[in-house]
């Protein structure tokens, strides 16, 4: 990754350490579903929205689809869910889901409500 870069060795190691320190916790909770704050299950209905179930005890918490959610190719969704205890990331693989539900979730991601324009006197 940083072998052919004209940076001192210490700077290259620091860059790699930052990448590892930020990606490992996200990978543990988002991909491996490890920890009490990892989203283990996600329920969604049109009128009620999202319910995320966290940790091994499957604690239910309401969630909203947040900005930054995206589709990665045709088979993977990365959802960013805003909850009362912070933002949670969920990686959804189409191979492990019901195809009709996955397509419906893709449509929901594509048509999610956009932010309303700010009115006069509101900061941006």
PDB file of N, CA and C in Angstrom:
ATOM      1  N   UNK A   1       0.824  -1.181   0.000  1.00  0.00           N
ATOM      2  CA  UNK A   1       0.000   0.000   0.000  1.00  0.00           C
ATOM      3  C   UNK A   1       0.874   1.251   0.000  1.00  0.00           C
ATOM      4  N   UNK A   2       1.733   1.404   0.970  1.00  0.00           N
ATOM      5  CA  UNK A   2       2.554   2.614   1.060  1.00  0.00           C
ATOM      6  C   UNK A   2       4.034   2.303   0.892  1.00  0.00           C
ATOM      7  N   UNK A   3       4.366   1.309   0.049  1.00  0.00           N
ATOM      8  CA  UNK A   3       5.759   0.918  -0.115  1.00  0.00           C
ATOM      9  C   UNK A   3       6.536   1.875  -1.006  1.00  0.00           C
ATOM     10  N   UNK A   4       5.938   2.383  -2.045  1.00  0.00           N
ATOM     11  CA  UNK A   4       6.622   3.215  -3.027  1.00  0.00           C
ATOM     12  C   UNK A   4       6.371   4.709  -2.813  1.00  0.00           C
ATOM     13  N   UNK A   5       5.980   5.100  -1.615  1.00  0.00           N
ATOM     14  CA  UNK A   5       5.661   6.496  -1.327  1.00  0.00           C
ATOM     15  C   UNK A   5       6.873   7.169  -0.691  1.00  0.00           C
ATOM     16  N   UNK A   6       7.107   8.421  -1.064  1.00  0.00           N
ATOM     17  CA  UNK A   6       8.273   9.154  -0.558  1.00  0.00           C
ATOM     18  C   UNK A   6       7.961   9.831   0.775  1.00  0.00           C
ATOM     19  N   UNK A   7       7.481   9.042   1.725  1.00  0.00           N
ATOM     20  CA  UNK A   7       7.243   9.546   3.071  1.00  0.00           C
ATOM     21  C   UNK A   7       8.164   8.810   4.033  1.00  0.00           C
ATOM     22  N   UNK A   8       8.527   9.446   5.129  1.00  0.00           N
ATOM     23  CA  UNK A   8       9.346   8.741   6.116  1.00  0.00           C
ATOM     24  C   UNK A   8       8.607   7.512   6.652  1.00  0.00           C
ATOM     25  N   UNK A   9       9.356   6.525   7.092  1.00  0.00           N
ATOM     26  CA  UNK A   9       8.786   5.273   7.573  1.00  0.00           C
ATOM     27  C   UNK A   9       7.800   5.506   8.719  1.00  0.00           C
ATOM     28  N   UNK A  10       8.122   6.397   9.634  1.00  0.00           N
ATOM     29  CA  UNK A  10       7.237   6.668  10.768  1.00  0.00           C
ATOM     30  C   UNK A  10       5.871   7.190  10.331  1.00  0.00           C
ATOM     31  N   UNK A  11       5.845   8.043   9.315  1.00  0.00           N
ATOM     32  CA  UNK A  11       4.589   8.588   8.801  1.00  0.00           C
ATOM     33  C   UNK A  11       3.777   7.488   8.128  1.00  0.00           C
ATOM     34  N   UNK A  12       4.443   6.617   7.366  1.00  0.00           N
ATOM     35  CA  UNK A  12       3.734   5.510   6.719  1.00  0.00           C
ATOM     36  C   UNK A  12       3.130   4.563   7.749  1.00  0.00           C
ATOM     37  N   UNK A  13       3.876   4.281   8.799  1.00  0.00           N
ATOM     38  CA  UNK A  13       3.349   3.405   9.863  1.00  0.00           C
ATOM     39  C   UNK A  13       2.175   4.070  10.566  1.00  0.00           C
ATOM     40  N   UNK A  14       2.261   5.367  10.812  1.00  0.00           N
ATOM     41  CA  UNK A  14       1.166   6.092  11.461  1.00  0.00           C
ATOM     42  C   UNK A  14      -0.102   6.064  10.604  1.00  0.00           C
ATOM     43  N   UNK A  15       0.042   6.245   9.295  1.00  0.00           N
ATOM     44  CA  UNK A  15      -1.118   6.200   8.394  1.00  0.00           C
ATOM     45  C   UNK A  15      -1.762   4.827   8.443  1.00  0.00           C
ATOM     46  N   UNK A  16      -0.965   3.784   8.372  1.00  0.00           N
ATOM     47  CA  UNK A  16      -1.499   2.421   8.420  1.00  0.00           C
ATOM     48  C   UNK A  16      -2.162   2.135   9.764  1.00  0.00           C
ATOM     49  N   UNK A  17      -1.584   2.633  10.856  1.00  0.00           N
ATOM     50  CA  UNK A  17      -2.157   2.414  12.182  1.00  0.00           C
ATOM     51  C   UNK A  17      -3.527   3.088  12.305  1.00  0.00           C
ATOM     52  N   UNK A  18      -3.658   4.294  11.763  1.00  0.00           N
ATOM     53  CA  UNK A  18      -4.942   4.996  11.800  1.00  0.00           C
ATOM     54  C   UNK A  18      -5.993   4.214  11.015  1.00  0.00           C
ATOM     55  N   UNK A  19      -5.637   3.720   9.855  1.00  0.00           N
ATOM     56  CA  UNK A  19      -6.577   2.938   9.048  1.00  0.00           C
ATOM     57  C   UNK A  19      -7.016   1.690   9.808  1.00  0.00           C
ATOM     58  N   UNK A  20      -6.076   0.977  10.400  1.00  0.00           N
ATOM     59  CA  UNK A  20      -6.405  -0.238  11.143  1.00  0.00           C
ATOM     60  C   UNK A  20      -7.268   0.079  12.355  1.00  0.00           C
ATOM     61  N   UNK A  21      -6.915   1.110  13.110  1.00  0.00           N
ATOM     62  CA  UNK A  21      -7.659   1.442  14.323  1.00  0.00           C
ATOM     63  C   UNK A  21      -9.085   1.903  14.041  1.00  0.00           C
ATOM     64  N   UNK A  22      -9.327   2.479  12.869  1.00  0.00           N
ATOM     65  CA  UNK A  22     -10.696   2.895  12.547  1.00  0.00           C
ATOM     66  C   UNK A  22     -11.495   1.795  11.868  1.00  0.00           C
ATOM     67  N   UNK A  23     -10.849   0.916  11.132  1.00  0.00           N
ATOM     68  CA  UNK A  23     -11.573  -0.106  10.389  1.00  0.00           C
ATOM     69  C   UNK A  23     -11.863  -1.375  11.195  1.00  0.00           C
ATOM     70  N   UNK A  24     -10.979  -1.746  12.096  1.00  0.00           N
ATOM     71  CA  UNK A  24     -11.177  -2.988  12.852  1.00  0.00           C
ATOM     72  C   UNK A  24     -12.443  -2.939  13.715  1.00  0.00           C
ATOM     73  N   UNK A  25     -12.675  -1.888  14.524  1.00  0.00           N
ATOM     74  CA  UNK A  25     -13.911  -1.877  15.311  1.00  0.00           C
ATOM     75  C   UNK A  25     -15.168  -1.890  14.440  1.00  0.00           C
ATOM     76  N   UNK A  26     -15.138  -1.176  13.333  1.00  0.00           N
ATOM     77  CA  UNK A  26     -16.277  -1.167  12.425  1.00  0.00           C
ATOM     78  C   UNK A  26     -16.503  -2.546  11.825  1.00  0.00           C
ATOM     79  N   UNK A  27     -15.431  -3.216  11.447  1.00  0.00           N
ATOM     80  CA  UNK A  27     -15.550  -4.572  10.903  1.00  0.00           C
ATOM     81  C   UNK A  27     -16.085  -5.559  11.919  1.00  0.00           C
ATOM     82  N   UNK A  28     -15.675  -5.418  13.165  1.00  0.00           N
ATOM     83  CA  UNK A  28     -16.154  -6.326  14.207  1.00  0.00           C
ATOM     84  C   UNK A  28     -17.650  -6.184  14.433  1.00  0.00           C
ATOM     85  N   UNK A  29     -18.160  -4.957  14.452  1.00  0.00           N
ATOM     86  CA  UNK A  29     -19.584  -4.767  14.726  1.00  0.00           C
ATOM     87  C   UNK A  29     -20.450  -4.872  13.476  1.00  0.00           C
ATOM     88  N   UNK A  30     -19.959  -4.416  12.349  1.00  0.00           N
ATOM     89  CA  UNK A  30     -20.764  -4.362  11.121  1.00  0.00           C
ATOM     90  C   UNK A  30     -20.749  -5.677  10.354  1.00  0.00           C
ATOM     91  N   UNK A  31     -19.606  -6.323  10.277  1.00  0.00           N
ATOM     92  CA  UNK A  31     -19.483  -7.532   9.459  1.00  0.00           C
ATOM     93  C   UNK A  31     -19.554  -8.795  10.315  1.00  0.00           C
ATOM     94  N   UNK A  32     -18.817  -8.826  11.417  1.00  0.00           N
ATOM     95  CA  UNK A  32     -18.768 -10.026  12.246  1.00  0.00           C
ATOM     96  C   UNK A  32     -19.850 -10.059  13.323  1.00  0.00           C
ATOM     97  N   UNK A  33     -20.593  -8.958  13.474  1.00  0.00           N
ATOM     98  CA  UNK A  33     -21.691  -8.859  14.441  1.00  0.00           C
ATOM     99  C   UNK A  33     -21.227  -9.167  15.857  1.00  0.00           C
ATOM    100  N   UNK A  34     -20.058  -8.652  16.219  1.00  0.00           N
ATOM    101  CA  UNK A  34     -19.459  -8.903  17.517  1.00  0.00           C
ATOM    102  C   UNK A  34     -19.711  -7.723  18.438  1.00  0.00           C
ATOM    103  N   UNK A  35     -20.083  -7.977  19.664  1.00  0.00           N
ATOM    104  CA  UNK A  35     -20.245  -6.922  20.650  1.00  0.00           C
ATOM    105  C   UNK A  35     -21.695  -6.621  20.957  1.00  0.00           C
ATOM    106  N   UNK A  36     -21.889  -5.906  22.069  1.00  0.00           N
ATOM    107  CA  UNK A  36     -23.251  -5.633  22.531  1.00  0.00           C
ATOM    108  C   UNK A  36     -23.935  -4.532  21.732  1.00  0.00           C
ATOM    109  N   UNK A  37     -23.181  -3.783  20.924  1.00  0.00           N
ATOM    110  CA  UNK A  37     -23.774  -2.698  20.142  1.00  0.00           C
ATOM    111  C   UNK A  37     -23.924  -3.044  18.659  1.00  0.00           C
ATOM    112  N   UNK A  38     -23.587  -4.256  18.294  1.00  0.00           N
ATOM    113  CA  UNK A  38     -23.714  -4.683  16.897  1.00  0.00           C
ATOM    114  C   UNK A  38     -25.176  -4.953  16.556  1.00  0.00           C
ATOM    115  N   UNK A  39     -25.589  -4.552  15.370  1.00  0.00           N
ATOM    116  CA  UNK A  39     -26.955  -4.810  14.916  1.00  0.00           C
ATOM    117  C   UNK A  39     -27.021  -6.265  14.438  1.00  0.00           C
ATOM    118  N   UNK A  40     -27.777  -7.079  15.148  1.00  0.00           N
ATOM    119  CA  UNK A  40     -27.891  -8.501  14.822  1.00  0.00           C
ATOM    120  C   UNK A  40     -29.066  -8.792  13.918  1.00  0.00           C
ATOM    121  N   UNK A  41     -30.097  -7.959  14.019  1.00  0.00           N
ATOM    122  CA  UNK A  41     -31.294  -8.160  13.204  1.00  0.00           C
ATOM    123  C   UNK A  41     -31.908  -6.806  12.911  1.00  0.00           C
ATOM    124  N   UNK A  42     -32.565  -6.706  11.772  1.00  0.00           N
ATOM    125  CA  UNK A  42     -33.183  -5.448  11.363  1.00  0.00           C
ATOM    126  C   UNK A  42     -34.570  -5.758  10.828  1.00  0.00           C
ATOM    127  N   UNK A  43     -35.574  -5.158  11.434  1.00  0.00           N
ATOM    128  CA  UNK A  43     -36.949  -5.285  10.946  1.00  0.00           C
ATOM    129  C   UNK A  43     -37.354  -3.962  10.326  1.00  0.00           C
ATOM    130  N   UNK A  44     -38.194  -4.039   9.292  1.00  0.00           N
ATOM    131  CA  UNK A  44     -38.613  -2.821   8.619  1.00  0.00           C
ATOM    132  C   UNK A  44     -40.018  -2.996   8.084  1.00  0.00           C
ATOM    133  N   UNK A  45     -40.868  -2.026   8.383  1.00  0.00           N
ATOM    134  CA  UNK A  45     -42.204  -1.951   7.802  1.00  0.00           C
ATOM    135  C   UNK A  45     -42.419  -0.525   7.340  1.00  0.00           C
ATOM    136  N   UNK A  46     -43.255  -0.350   6.332  1.00  0.00           N
ATOM    137  CA  UNK A  46     -43.497   0.984   5.773  1.00  0.00           C
ATOM    138  C   UNK A  46     -44.003   1.979   6.815  1.00  0.00           C
ATOM    139  N   UNK A  47     -45.069   1.659   7.564  1.00  0.00           N
ATOM    140  CA  UNK A  47     -45.573   2.694   8.475  1.00  0.00           C
ATOM    141  C   UNK A  47     -44.682   2.932   9.693  1.00  0.00           C
ATOM    142  N   UNK A  48     -44.013   1.898  10.194  1.00  0.00           N
ATOM    143  CA  UNK A  48     -43.267   2.033  11.438  1.00  0.00           C
ATOM    144  C   UNK A  48     -41.795   2.360  11.239  1.00  0.00           C
ATOM    145  N   UNK A  49     -41.219   2.076  10.101  1.00  0.00           N
ATOM    146  CA  UNK A  49     -39.808   2.314   9.866  1.00  0.00           C
ATOM    147  C   UNK A  49     -38.948   1.149  10.337  1.00  0.00           C
ATOM    148  N   UNK A  50     -37.715   1.443  10.751  1.00  0.00           N
ATOM    149  CA  UNK A  50     -36.746   0.416  11.103  1.00  0.00           C
ATOM    150  C   UNK A  50     -36.723   0.158  12.610  1.00  0.00           C
ATOM    151  N   UNK A  51     -36.531  -1.095  12.968  1.00  0.00           N
ATOM    152  CA  UNK A  51     -36.237  -1.497  14.336  1.00  0.00           C
ATOM    153  C   UNK A  51     -34.971  -2.324  14.279  1.00  0.00           C
ATOM    154  N   UNK A  52     -33.943  -1.874  14.986  1.00  0.00           N
ATOM    155  CA  UNK A  52     -32.667  -2.593  15.038  1.00  0.00           C
ATOM    156  C   UNK A  52     -32.624  -3.384  16.344  1.00  0.00           C
ATOM    157  N   UNK A  53     -32.097  -4.594  16.273  1.00  0.00           N
ATOM    158  CA  UNK A  53     -31.946  -5.444  17.444  1.00  0.00           C
ATOM    159  C   UNK A  53     -30.449  -5.578  17.709  1.00  0.00           C
ATOM    160  N   UNK A  54     -30.023  -5.074  18.862  1.00  0.00           N
ATOM    161  CA  UNK A  54     -28.602  -4.961  19.173  1.00  0.00           C
ATOM    162  C   UNK A  54     -28.127  -6.055  20.118  1.00  0.00           C
ATOM    163  N   UNK A  55     -26.908  -6.496  19.876  1.00  0.00           N
ATOM    164  CA  UNK A  55     -26.219  -7.400  20.789  1.00  0.00           C
ATOM    165  C   UNK A  55     -26.795  -8.794  20.866  1.00  0.00           C
ATOM    166  N   UNK A  56     -26.156  -9.649  21.678  1.00  0.00           N
ATOM    167  CA  UNK A  56     -26.603 -11.031  21.811  1.00  0.00           C
ATOM    168  C   UNK A  56     -27.997 -11.148  22.416  1.00  0.00           C
ATOM    169  N   UNK A  57     -28.413 -10.156  23.227  1.00  0.00           N
ATOM    170  CA  UNK A  57     -29.737 -10.220  23.853  1.00  0.00           C
ATOM    171  C   UNK A  57     -30.837  -9.668  22.944  1.00  0.00           C
ATOM    172  N   UNK A  58     -30.482  -9.185  21.759  1.00  0.00           N
ATOM    173  CA  UNK A  58     -31.417  -8.632  20.772  1.00  0.00           C
ATOM    174  C   UNK A  58     -32.304  -7.531  21.363  1.00  0.00           C
ATOM    175  N   UNK A  59     -31.677  -6.520  21.923  1.00  0.00           N
ATOM    176  CA  UNK A  59     -32.380  -5.369  22.476  1.00  0.00           C
ATOM    177  C   UNK A  59     -32.926  -4.526  21.332  1.00  0.00           C
ATOM    178  N   UNK A  60     -34.251  -4.317  21.317  1.00  0.00           N
ATOM    179  CA  UNK A  60     -34.903  -3.570  20.232  1.00  0.00           C
ATOM    180  C   UNK A  60     -34.728  -2.073  20.444  1.00  0.00           C
ATOM    181  N   UNK A  61     -34.440  -1.363  19.346  1.00  0.00           N
ATOM    182  CA  UNK A  61     -34.312   0.093  19.376  1.00  0.00           C
ATOM    183  C   UNK A  61     -34.760   0.642  18.021  1.00  0.00           C
ATOM    184  N   UNK A  62     -35.512   1.744  18.054  1.00  0.00           N
ATOM    185  CA  UNK A  62     -35.978   2.367  16.804  1.00  0.00           C
ATOM    186  C   UNK A  62     -34.791   2.986  16.084  1.00  0.00           C
ATOM    187  N   UNK A  63     -34.842   2.963  14.761  1.00  0.00           N
ATOM    188  CA  UNK A  63     -33.743   3.495  13.955  1.00  0.00           C
ATOM    189  C   UNK A  63     -34.300   4.170  12.711  1.00  0.00           C
ATOM    190  N   UNK A  64     -33.551   5.148  12.210  1.00  0.00           N
ATOM    191  CA  UNK A  64     -33.887   5.819  10.953  1.00  0.00           C
ATOM    192  C   UNK A  64     -32.734   5.650   9.979  1.00  0.00           C
ATOM    193  N   UNK A  65     -33.061   5.517   8.714  1.00  0.00           N
ATOM    194  CA  UNK A  65     -32.042   5.435   7.679  1.00  0.00           C
ATOM    195  C   UNK A  65     -31.362   6.797   7.572  1.00  0.00           C
ATOM    196  N   UNK A  66     -30.060   6.844   7.820  1.00  0.00           N
ATOM    197  CA  UNK A  66     -29.330   8.108   7.855  1.00  0.00           C
ATOM    198  C   UNK A  66     -28.592   8.343   6.539  1.00  0.00           C
ATOM    199  N   UNK A  67     -28.210   9.586   6.326  1.00  0.00           N
ATOM    200  CA  UNK A  67     -27.396   9.927   5.168  1.00  0.00           C
ATOM    201  C   UNK A  67     -26.086   9.153   5.257  1.00  0.00           C
ATOM    202  N   UNK A  68     -25.580   8.734   4.123  1.00  0.00           N
ATOM    203  CA  UNK A  68     -24.351   7.956   4.098  1.00  0.00           C
ATOM    204  C   UNK A  68     -24.597   6.490   3.819  1.00  0.00           C
ATOM    205  N   UNK A  69     -25.857   6.067   3.750  1.00  0.00           N
ATOM    206  CA  UNK A  69     -26.182   4.699   3.377  1.00  0.00           C
ATOM    207  C   UNK A  69     -26.005   4.570   1.867  1.00  0.00           C
ATOM    208  N   UNK A  70     -25.538   3.403   1.413  1.00  0.00           N
ATOM    209  CA  UNK A  70     -25.307   3.246  -0.026  1.00  0.00           C
ATOM    210  C   UNK A  70     -25.363   1.784  -0.435  1.00  0.00           C
ATOM    211  N   UNK A  71     -25.476   1.596  -1.734  1.00  0.00           N
ATOM    212  CA  UNK A  71     -25.472   0.271  -2.327  1.00  0.00           C
ATOM    213  C   UNK A  71     -24.093   0.019  -2.910  1.00  0.00           C
ATOM    214  N   UNK A  72     -23.522  -1.126  -2.594  1.00  0.00           N
ATOM    215  CA  UNK A  72     -22.193  -1.489  -3.055  1.00  0.00           C
ATOM    216  C   UNK A  72     -22.351  -2.573  -4.116  1.00  0.00           C
ATOM    217  N   UNK A  73     -22.371  -2.174  -5.378  1.00  0.00           N
ATOM    218  CA  UNK A  73     -22.627  -3.130  -6.450  1.00  0.00           C
ATOM    219  C   UNK A  73     -24.080  -3.571  -6.437  1.00  0.00           C
ATOM    220  N   UNK A  74     -24.333  -4.789  -6.927  1.00  0.00           N
ATOM    221  CA  UNK A  74     -25.700  -5.308  -6.972  1.00  0.00           C
ATOM    222  C   UNK A  74     -26.054  -6.166  -5.772  1.00  0.00           C
ATOM    223  N   UNK A  75     -25.064  -6.552  -4.985  1.00  0.00           N
ATOM    224  CA  UNK A  75     -25.307  -7.570  -3.975  1.00  0.00           C
ATOM    225  C   UNK A  75     -25.175  -7.123  -2.530  1.00  0.00           C
ATOM    226  N   UNK A  76     -24.707  -5.923  -2.270  1.00  0.00           N
ATOM    227  CA  UNK A  76     -24.433  -5.512  -0.887  1.00  0.00           C
ATOM    228  C   UNK A  76     -24.995  -4.111  -0.628  1.00  0.00           C
ATOM    229  N   UNK A  77     -25.618  -3.961   0.535  1.00  0.00           N
ATOM    230  CA  UNK A  77     -26.059  -2.659   1.013  1.00  0.00           C
ATOM    231  C   UNK A  77     -25.289  -2.323   2.276  1.00  0.00           C
ATOM    232  N   UNK A  78     -24.867  -1.092   2.399  1.00  0.00           N
ATOM    233  CA  UNK A  78     -24.272  -0.598   3.637  1.00  0.00           C
ATOM    234  C   UNK A  78     -25.235   0.465   4.155  1.00  0.00           C
ATOM    235  N   UNK A  79     -25.895   0.144   5.264  1.00  0.00           N
ATOM    236  CA  UNK A  79     -26.875   1.052   5.830  1.00  0.00           C
ATOM    237  C   UNK A  79     -26.285   1.750   7.041  1.00  0.00           C
ATOM    238  N   UNK A  80     -26.558   3.016   7.126  1.00  0.00           N
ATOM    239  CA  UNK A  80     -26.162   3.826   8.272  1.00  0.00           C
ATOM    240  C   UNK A  80     -27.454   4.173   8.990  1.00  0.00           C
ATOM    241  N   UNK A  81     -27.618   3.647  10.201  1.00  0.00           N
ATOM    242  CA  UNK A  81     -28.854   3.808  10.949  1.00  0.00           C
ATOM    243  C   UNK A  81     -28.638   4.733  12.134  1.00  0.00           C
ATOM    244  N   UNK A  82     -29.463   5.767  12.226  1.00  0.00           N
ATOM    245  CA  UNK A  82     -29.412   6.692  13.359  1.00  0.00           C
ATOM    246  C   UNK A  82     -30.356   6.171  14.436  1.00  0.00           C
ATOM    247  N   UNK A  83     -29.806   5.941  15.639  1.00  0.00           N
ATOM    248  CA  UNK A  83     -30.602   5.458  16.769  1.00  0.00           C
ATOM    249  C   UNK A  83     -30.444   6.436  17.929  1.00  0.00           C
ATOM    250  N   UNK A  84     -31.172   6.179  18.994  1.00  0.00           N
ATOM    251  CA  UNK A  84     -31.086   7.042  20.183  1.00  0.00           C
ATOM    252  C   UNK A  84     -29.716   6.945  20.847  1.00  0.00           C
ATOM    253  N   UNK A  85     -28.988   5.854  20.609  1.00  0.00           N
ATOM    254  CA  UNK A  85     -27.674   5.685  21.245  1.00  0.00           C
ATOM    255  C   UNK A  85     -26.526   5.909  20.268  1.00  0.00           C
ATOM    256  N   UNK A  86     -26.817   6.481  19.116  1.00  0.00           N
ATOM    257  CA  UNK A  86     -25.762   6.785  18.147  1.00  0.00           C
ATOM    258  C   UNK A  86     -26.023   6.130  16.797  1.00  0.00           C
ATOM    259  N   UNK A  87     -25.058   6.276  15.923  1.00  0.00           N
ATOM    260  CA  UNK A  87     -25.174   5.743  14.564  1.00  0.00           C
ATOM    261  C   UNK A  87     -24.636   4.318  14.531  1.00  0.00           C
ATOM    262  N   UNK A  88     -25.351   3.431  13.877  1.00  0.00           N
ATOM    263  CA  UNK A  88     -24.956   2.036  13.715  1.00  0.00           C
ATOM    264  C   UNK A  88     -24.857   1.734  12.229  1.00  0.00           C
ATOM    265  N   UNK A  89     -23.872   0.937  11.859  1.00  0.00           N
ATOM    266  CA  UNK A  89     -23.705   0.515  10.473  1.00  0.00           C
ATOM    267  C   UNK A  89     -24.134  -0.930  10.324  1.00  0.00           C
ATOM    268  N   UNK A  90     -24.757  -1.243   9.190  1.00  0.00           N
ATOM    269  CA  UNK A  90     -25.199  -2.601   8.907  1.00  0.00           C
ATOM    270  C   UNK A  90     -24.783  -2.949   7.485  1.00  0.00           C
ATOM    271  N   UNK A  91     -24.164  -4.092   7.327  1.00  0.00           N
ATOM    272  CA  UNK A  91     -23.794  -4.612   6.022  1.00  0.00           C
ATOM    273  C   UNK A  91     -24.779  -5.719   5.672  1.00  0.00           C
ATOM    274  N   UNK A  92     -25.502  -5.580   4.559  1.00  0.00           N
ATOM    275  CA  UNK A  92     -26.512  -6.554   4.174  1.00  0.00           C
ATOM    276  C   UNK A  92     -26.106  -7.183   2.856  1.00  0.00           C
ATOM    277  N   UNK A  93     -25.954  -8.492   2.867  1.00  0.00           N
ATOM    278  CA  UNK A  93     -25.575  -9.268   1.692  1.00  0.00           C
ATOM    279  C   UNK A  93     -26.834  -9.882   1.086  1.00  0.00           C
ATOM    280  N   UNK A  94     -27.040  -9.678  -0.205  1.00  0.00           N
ATOM    281  CA  UNK A  94     -28.260 -10.176  -0.844  1.00  0.00           C
ATOM    282  C   UNK A  94     -28.348 -11.699  -0.849  1.00  0.00           C
ATOM    283  N   UNK A  95     -27.215 -12.391  -0.818  1.00  0.00           N
ATOM    284  CA  UNK A  95     -27.232 -13.855  -0.854  1.00  0.00           C
ATOM    285  C   UNK A  95     -27.831 -14.445   0.419  1.00  0.00           C
ATOM    286  N   UNK A  96     -27.793 -13.692   1.518  1.00  0.00           N
ATOM    287  CA  UNK A  96     -28.311 -14.206   2.791  1.00  0.00           C
ATOM    288  C   UNK A  96     -29.722 -13.700   3.092  1.00  0.00           C
ATOM    289  N   UNK A  97     -30.362 -13.013   2.136  1.00  0.00           N
ATOM    290  CA  UNK A  97     -31.668 -12.402   2.381  1.00  0.00           C
ATOM    291  C   UNK A  97     -32.687 -12.919   1.374  1.00  0.00           C
ATOM    292  N   UNK A  98     -33.943 -12.751   1.720  1.00  0.00           N
ATOM    293  CA  UNK A  98     -35.031 -13.008   0.786  1.00  0.00           C
ATOM    294  C   UNK A  98     -34.923 -11.991  -0.348  1.00  0.00           C
ATOM    295  N   UNK A  99     -34.968 -12.450  -1.598  1.00  0.00           N
ATOM    296  CA  UNK A  99     -34.720 -11.550  -2.728  1.00  0.00           C
ATOM    297  C   UNK A  99     -35.761 -10.437  -2.838  1.00  0.00           C
ATOM    298  N   UNK A 100     -37.025 -10.734  -2.555  1.00  0.00           N
ATOM    299  CA  UNK A 100     -38.055  -9.696  -2.630  1.00  0.00           C
ATOM    300  C   UNK A 100     -37.833  -8.636  -1.551  1.00  0.00           C
ATOM    301  N   UNK A 101     -37.474  -9.052  -0.359  1.00  0.00           N
ATOM    302  CA  UNK A 101     -37.202  -8.096   0.724  1.00  0.00           C
ATOM    303  C   UNK A 101     -35.980  -7.241   0.414  1.00  0.00           C
ATOM    304  N   UNK A 102     -34.954  -7.860  -0.160  1.00  0.00           N
ATOM    305  CA  UNK A 102     -33.742  -7.113  -0.510  1.00  0.00           C
ATOM    306  C   UNK A 102     -34.052  -6.060  -1.575  1.00  0.00           C
ATOM    307  N   UNK A 103     -34.825  -6.425  -2.598  1.00  0.00           N
ATOM    308  CA  UNK A 103     -35.192  -5.456  -3.638  1.00  0.00           C
ATOM    309  C   UNK A 103     -36.028  -4.315  -3.064  1.00  0.00           C
ATOM    310  N   UNK A 104     -36.938  -4.637  -2.140  1.00  0.00           N
ATOM    311  CA  UNK A 104     -37.768  -3.610  -1.506  1.00  0.00           C
ATOM    312  C   UNK A 104     -36.900  -2.657  -0.678  1.00  0.00           C
ATOM    313  N   UNK A 105     -35.915  -3.213   0.006  1.00  0.00           N
ATOM    314  CA  UNK A 105     -34.999  -2.374   0.783  1.00  0.00           C
ATOM    315  C   UNK A 105     -34.139  -1.498  -0.139  1.00  0.00           C
ATOM    316  N   UNK A 106     -33.739  -2.024  -1.284  1.00  0.00           N
ATOM    317  CA  UNK A 106     -32.985  -1.229  -2.270  1.00  0.00           C
ATOM    318  C   UNK A 106     -33.829  -0.065  -2.771  1.00  0.00           C
ATOM    319  N   UNK A 107     -35.106  -0.316  -3.045  1.00  0.00           N
ATOM    320  CA  UNK A 107     -36.000   0.772  -3.471  1.00  0.00           C
ATOM    321  C   UNK A 107     -36.147   1.810  -2.362  1.00  0.00           C
ATOM    322  N   UNK A 108     -36.230   1.349  -1.116  1.00  0.00           N
ATOM    323  CA  UNK A 108     -36.341   2.276   0.013  1.00  0.00           C
ATOM    324  C   UNK A 108     -35.082   3.137   0.136  1.00  0.00           C
ATOM    325  N   UNK A 109     -33.939   2.534  -0.097  1.00  0.00           N
ATOM    326  CA  UNK A 109     -32.680   3.277  -0.037  1.00  0.00           C
ATOM    327  C   UNK A 109     -32.621   4.322  -1.146  1.00  0.00           C
ATOM    328  N   UNK A 110     -33.124   3.962  -2.319  1.00  0.00           N
ATOM    329  CA  UNK A 110     -33.093   4.882  -3.461  1.00  0.00           C
ATOM    330  C   UNK A 110     -34.058   6.041  -3.277  1.00  0.00           C
ATOM    331  N   UNK A 111     -35.192   5.801  -2.608  1.00  0.00           N
ATOM    332  CA  UNK A 111     -36.237   6.823  -2.495  1.00  0.00           C
ATOM    333  C   UNK A 111     -36.343   7.397  -1.089  1.00  0.00           C
ATOM    334  N   UNK A 112     -35.301   7.247  -0.272  1.00  0.00           N
ATOM    335  CA  UNK A 112     -35.387   7.763   1.100  1.00  0.00           C
ATOM    336  C   UNK A 112     -35.601   9.265   1.063  1.00  0.00           C
ATOM    337  N   UNK A 113     -36.315   9.771   2.054  1.00  0.00           N
ATOM    338  CA  UNK A 113     -36.579  11.217   2.077  1.00  0.00           C
ATOM    339  C   UNK A 113     -35.292  12.014   2.187  1.00  0.00           C
ATOM    340  N   UNK A 114     -35.210  13.055   1.422  1.00  0.00           N
ATOM    341  CA  UNK A 114     -34.055  13.945   1.462  1.00  0.00           C
ATOM    342  C   UNK A 114     -34.287  14.982   2.554  1.00  0.00           C
ATOM    343  N   UNK A 115     -33.208  15.625   2.970  1.00  0.00           N
ATOM    344  CA  UNK A 115     -33.342  16.681   3.963  1.00  0.00           C
ATOM    345  C   UNK A 115     -34.147  17.832   3.384  1.00  0.00           C
ATOM    346  N   UNK A 116     -34.951  18.426   4.246  1.00  0.00           N
ATOM    347  CA  UNK A 116     -35.704  19.602   3.824  1.00  0.00           C
ATOM    348  C   UNK A 116     -34.769  20.794   3.725  1.00  0.00           C
ATOM    349  N   UNK A 117     -35.011  21.692   2.765  1.00  0.00           N
ATOM    350  CA  UNK A 117     -34.174  22.885   2.684  1.00  0.00           C
ATOM    351  C   UNK A 117     -34.327  23.705   3.964  1.00  0.00           C
ATOM    352  N   UNK A 118     -33.243  24.331   4.356  1.00  0.00           N
ATOM    353  CA  UNK A 118     -33.258  25.130   5.593  1.00  0.00           C
ATOM    354  C   UNK A 118     -33.985  26.432   5.362  1.00  0.00           C
ATOM    355  N   UNK A 119     -34.766  26.805   6.341  1.00  0.00           N
ATOM    356  CA  UNK A 119     -35.514  28.049   6.266  1.00  0.00           C
ATOM    357  C   UNK A 119     -34.650  29.233   6.643  1.00  0.00           C
ATOM    358  N   UNK A 120     -35.175  30.446   6.507  1.00  0.00           N
ATOM    359  CA  UNK A 120     -34.409  31.634   6.877  1.00  0.00           C
ATOM    360  C   UNK A 120     -34.106  31.629   8.375  1.00  0.00           C
ATOM    361  N   UNK A 121     -32.908  32.018   8.709  1.00  0.00           N
ATOM    362  CA  UNK A 121     -32.514  32.085  10.106  1.00  0.00           C
ATOM    363  C   UNK A 121     -31.979  30.774  10.673  1.00  0.00           C
ATOM    364  N   UNK A 122     -31.974  29.701   9.885  1.00  0.00           N
ATOM    365  CA  UNK A 122     -31.438  28.426  10.360  1.00  0.00           C
ATOM    366  C   UNK A 122     -30.025  28.253   9.840  1.00  0.00           C
ATOM    367  N   UNK A 123     -29.140  27.805  10.720  1.00  0.00           N
ATOM    368  CA  UNK A 123     -27.766  27.621  10.294  1.00  0.00           C
ATOM    369  C   UNK A 123     -27.627  26.360   9.466  1.00  0.00           C
ATOM    370  N   UNK A 124     -26.586  26.298   8.647  1.00  0.00           N
ATOM    371  CA  UNK A 124     -26.408  25.143   7.782  1.00  0.00           C
ATOM    372  C   UNK A 124     -25.496  24.115   8.348  1.00  0.00           C
TER     373      UNK A 124
END
